[in-house]
Amino acid sequence: MNVQIHLFAGLAETIGSRLLTLELPAPDMTIEQLKQLIAERYPDAAEAVRQAFAAVNHEYAAGDRLIRERDEIALIPPVSGG
């Protein structure tokens, strides 16, 4: 199954794209497993990926959330403001 992952802020800058398309190696992957896969493929961004919040279909999602075909996935790194 192919999924598209929208990337934001410094995470997009580190990876060099605001959108990733990945073929998932297993049909029942969780958000946490997806983050691990991205961290392995983009080691320079691994720490940012691990810290990023995930959203599925415009709602924050826990790491154990299963990914379904056609889900809209986003990784949003934590931001600080003043």
N, C-alpha and C. Protein backbone atom coordinates (compact mmCIF):
# COMPACT_ATOMS: atom_id res chain seq x y z
N MET A 1 0.85 -1.17 0.00
CA MET A 1 0.00 0.00 0.00
C MET A 1 0.90 1.23 0.00
N ASN A 2 0.60 2.18 -0.84
CA ASN A 2 1.29 3.47 -0.88
C ASN A 2 0.59 4.45 0.04
N VAL A 3 1.38 5.24 0.76
CA VAL A 3 0.82 6.31 1.58
C VAL A 3 1.57 7.59 1.30
N GLN A 4 0.88 8.69 1.49
CA GLN A 4 1.51 10.00 1.37
C GLN A 4 1.57 10.61 2.76
N ILE A 5 2.73 11.18 3.07
CA ILE A 5 2.94 11.79 4.36
C ILE A 5 3.31 13.25 4.15
N HIS A 6 2.52 14.14 4.71
CA HIS A 6 2.80 15.58 4.63
C HIS A 6 3.76 15.93 5.76
N LEU A 7 4.79 16.68 5.44
CA LEU A 7 5.80 17.07 6.42
C LEU A 7 5.77 18.59 6.61
N PHE A 8 6.03 19.02 7.83
CA PHE A 8 5.94 20.44 8.15
C PHE A 8 7.22 20.95 8.80
N ALA A 9 7.39 22.25 8.73
CA ALA A 9 8.45 23.01 9.40
C ALA A 9 9.83 22.40 9.15
N GLY A 10 10.64 22.32 10.21
CA GLY A 10 12.02 21.86 10.09
C GLY A 10 12.13 20.45 9.58
N LEU A 11 11.13 19.63 9.81
CA LEU A 11 11.14 18.25 9.32
C LEU A 11 11.14 18.23 7.80
N ALA A 12 10.32 19.04 7.19
CA ALA A 12 10.29 19.13 5.72
C ALA A 12 11.61 19.66 5.19
N GLU A 13 12.18 20.63 5.90
CA GLU A 13 13.46 21.20 5.47
C GLU A 13 14.58 20.16 5.55
N THR A 14 14.63 19.39 6.62
CA THR A 14 15.68 18.38 6.80
C THR A 14 15.58 17.28 5.75
N ILE A 15 14.37 16.84 5.47
CA ILE A 15 14.17 15.77 4.48
C ILE A 15 14.26 16.32 3.06
N GLY A 16 13.91 17.59 2.88
CA GLY A 16 14.01 18.21 1.57
C GLY A 16 12.74 18.10 0.75
N SER A 17 11.63 17.84 1.41
CA SER A 17 10.35 17.73 0.71
C SER A 17 9.22 17.95 1.71
N ARG A 18 8.12 18.49 1.22
CA ARG A 18 6.94 18.66 2.07
C ARG A 18 5.99 17.47 1.94
N LEU A 19 6.29 16.54 1.02
CA LEU A 19 5.43 15.39 0.81
C LEU A 19 6.27 14.17 0.49
N LEU A 20 6.05 13.09 1.23
CA LEU A 20 6.70 11.81 0.96
C LEU A 20 5.65 10.82 0.49
N THR A 21 6.00 10.01 -0.47
CA THR A 21 5.16 8.88 -0.87
C THR A 21 5.96 7.63 -0.60
N LEU A 22 5.44 6.74 0.24
CA LEU A 22 6.14 5.52 0.61
C LEU A 22 5.27 4.30 0.36
N GLU A 23 5.93 3.23 -0.03
CA GLU A 23 5.28 1.92 -0.11
C GLU A 23 5.49 1.26 1.24
N LEU A 24 4.41 0.94 1.93
CA LEU A 24 4.53 0.30 3.24
C LEU A 24 4.85 -1.18 3.06
N PRO A 25 5.82 -1.69 3.82
CA PRO A 25 6.21 -3.09 3.68
C PRO A 25 5.22 -4.07 4.28
N ALA A 26 4.29 -3.59 5.10
CA ALA A 26 3.30 -4.46 5.74
C ALA A 26 1.94 -3.79 5.65
N PRO A 27 0.87 -4.57 5.52
CA PRO A 27 -0.46 -3.97 5.37
C PRO A 27 -1.01 -3.34 6.65
N ASP A 28 -0.58 -3.81 7.81
CA ASP A 28 -1.12 -3.30 9.07
C ASP A 28 -0.06 -2.59 9.88
N MET A 29 0.43 -1.47 9.35
CA MET A 29 1.44 -0.70 10.06
C MET A 29 0.78 0.35 10.94
N THR A 30 1.45 0.63 12.04
CA THR A 30 0.99 1.68 12.95
C THR A 30 1.75 2.98 12.63
N ILE A 31 1.29 4.05 13.21
CA ILE A 31 1.98 5.33 13.07
C ILE A 31 3.41 5.21 13.60
N GLU A 32 3.58 4.56 14.74
CA GLU A 32 4.92 4.42 15.32
C GLU A 32 5.84 3.64 14.37
N GLN A 33 5.34 2.59 13.75
CA GLN A 33 6.14 1.82 12.79
C GLN A 33 6.47 2.66 11.56
N LEU A 34 5.53 3.48 11.12
CA LEU A 34 5.78 4.36 9.98
C LEU A 34 6.88 5.36 10.33
N LYS A 35 6.81 5.94 11.53
CA LYS A 35 7.85 6.89 11.95
C LYS A 35 9.21 6.21 11.99
N GLN A 36 9.25 4.96 12.45
CA GLN A 36 10.52 4.22 12.49
C GLN A 36 11.05 4.00 11.07
N LEU A 37 10.17 3.65 10.14
CA LEU A 37 10.56 3.45 8.74
C LEU A 37 11.14 4.73 8.15
N ILE A 38 10.49 5.86 8.39
CA ILE A 38 10.98 7.14 7.87
C ILE A 38 12.32 7.48 8.51
N ALA A 39 12.45 7.26 9.82
CA ALA A 39 13.71 7.54 10.52
C ALA A 39 14.86 6.71 9.94
N GLU A 40 14.58 5.47 9.58
CA GLU A 40 15.62 4.61 8.99
C GLU A 40 16.00 5.08 7.60
N ARG A 41 15.03 5.52 6.83
CA ARG A 41 15.30 5.97 5.45
C ARG A 41 15.92 7.36 5.39
N TYR A 42 15.67 8.16 6.40
CA TYR A 42 16.20 9.53 6.44
C TYR A 42 16.90 9.73 7.79
N PRO A 43 18.08 9.15 7.96
CA PRO A 43 18.76 9.20 9.27
C PRO A 43 19.06 10.62 9.75
N ASP A 44 19.27 11.56 8.86
CA ASP A 44 19.52 12.94 9.28
C ASP A 44 18.30 13.55 9.96
N ALA A 45 17.14 13.01 9.67
CA ALA A 45 15.90 13.54 10.24
C ALA A 45 15.33 12.63 11.33
N ALA A 46 16.07 11.59 11.71
CA ALA A 46 15.54 10.57 12.63
C ALA A 46 15.04 11.16 13.95
N GLU A 47 15.82 12.02 14.56
CA GLU A 47 15.40 12.59 15.85
C GLU A 47 14.15 13.45 15.69
N ALA A 48 14.08 14.24 14.64
CA ALA A 48 12.90 15.08 14.40
C ALA A 48 11.67 14.22 14.12
N VAL A 49 11.85 13.12 13.42
CA VAL A 49 10.72 12.22 13.13
C VAL A 49 10.22 11.60 14.43
N ARG A 50 11.13 11.16 15.29
CA ARG A 50 10.72 10.54 16.55
C ARG A 50 9.94 11.52 17.44
N GLN A 51 10.32 12.79 17.40
CA GLN A 51 9.66 13.79 18.24
C GLN A 51 8.38 14.34 17.63
N ALA A 52 8.17 14.11 16.36
CA ALA A 52 7.03 14.70 15.65
C ALA A 52 5.69 14.13 16.13
N PHE A 53 4.72 15.00 16.14
CA PHE A 53 3.34 14.57 16.37
C PHE A 53 2.80 14.05 15.05
N ALA A 54 1.93 13.06 15.11
CA ALA A 54 1.31 12.53 13.91
C ALA A 54 -0.16 12.91 13.88
N ALA A 55 -0.64 13.18 12.69
CA ALA A 55 -2.06 13.43 12.49
C ALA A 55 -2.53 12.52 11.35
N VAL A 56 -3.70 11.96 11.54
CA VAL A 56 -4.32 11.13 10.51
C VAL A 56 -5.70 11.69 10.24
N ASN A 57 -5.92 12.05 9.00
CA ASN A 57 -7.21 12.62 8.60
C ASN A 57 -7.58 13.84 9.46
N HIS A 58 -6.58 14.71 9.65
CA HIS A 58 -6.75 15.99 10.35
C HIS A 58 -6.99 15.88 11.84
N GLU A 59 -6.67 14.72 12.45
CA GLU A 59 -6.79 14.56 13.90
C GLU A 59 -5.50 13.96 14.42
N TYR A 60 -5.04 14.47 15.57
CA TYR A 60 -3.83 13.89 16.16
C TYR A 60 -4.07 12.41 16.40
N ALA A 61 -3.00 11.62 16.19
CA ALA A 61 -3.12 10.16 16.28
C ALA A 61 -2.03 9.60 17.19
N ALA A 62 -2.39 8.63 17.99
CA ALA A 62 -1.44 7.94 18.86
C ALA A 62 -0.57 7.00 18.02
N GLY A 63 0.55 6.62 18.58
CA GLY A 63 1.50 5.76 17.88
C GLY A 63 0.95 4.41 17.50
N ASP A 64 -0.05 3.91 18.22
CA ASP A 64 -0.60 2.59 17.92
C ASP A 64 -1.75 2.63 16.90
N ARG A 65 -2.04 3.80 16.37
CA ARG A 65 -3.10 3.93 15.35
C ARG A 65 -2.69 3.22 14.08
N LEU A 66 -3.54 2.33 13.59
CA LEU A 66 -3.29 1.63 12.32
C LEU A 66 -3.52 2.56 11.14
N ILE A 67 -2.67 2.43 10.16
CA ILE A 67 -2.78 3.22 8.94
C ILE A 67 -3.63 2.46 7.94
N ARG A 68 -4.58 3.14 7.37
CA ARG A 68 -5.46 2.55 6.36
C ARG A 68 -5.19 3.20 5.01
N GLU A 69 -5.52 2.48 3.96
CA GLU A 69 -5.38 3.05 2.63
C GLU A 69 -6.24 4.31 2.54
N ARG A 70 -5.71 5.32 1.90
CA ARG A 70 -6.35 6.62 1.70
C ARG A 70 -6.33 7.52 2.92
N ASP A 71 -5.69 7.10 4.03
CA ASP A 71 -5.54 8.01 5.16
C ASP A 71 -4.64 9.17 4.75
N GLU A 72 -4.96 10.34 5.24
CA GLU A 72 -4.10 11.51 5.05
C GLU A 72 -3.25 11.63 6.30
N ILE A 73 -1.94 11.48 6.12
CA ILE A 73 -1.02 11.45 7.25
C ILE A 73 -0.14 12.69 7.23
N ALA A 74 0.10 13.24 8.42
CA ALA A 74 0.99 14.40 8.54
C ALA A 74 1.90 14.18 9.74
N LEU A 75 3.15 14.61 9.61
CA LEU A 75 4.08 14.64 10.73
C LEU A 75 4.41 16.09 11.02
N ILE A 76 4.19 16.48 12.27
CA ILE A 76 4.33 17.87 12.66
C ILE A 76 5.32 17.95 13.81
N PRO A 77 6.48 18.53 13.58
CA PRO A 77 7.45 18.62 14.66
C PRO A 77 6.97 19.60 15.73
N PRO A 78 7.41 19.39 16.97
CA PRO A 78 7.02 20.33 18.02
C PRO A 78 7.61 21.70 17.72
N VAL A 79 6.88 22.72 18.04
CA VAL A 79 7.36 24.08 17.81
C VAL A 79 7.29 24.84 19.12
N SER A 80 8.13 25.82 19.23
CA SER A 80 8.09 26.67 20.43
C SER A 80 7.87 28.10 19.98
N GLY A 81 7.31 28.85 20.83
CA GLY A 81 7.04 30.25 20.49
C GLY A 81 7.28 31.12 21.70
N GLY A 82 7.17 32.38 21.46
CA GLY A 82 7.41 33.26 22.58
C GLY A 82 6.41 34.36 22.65
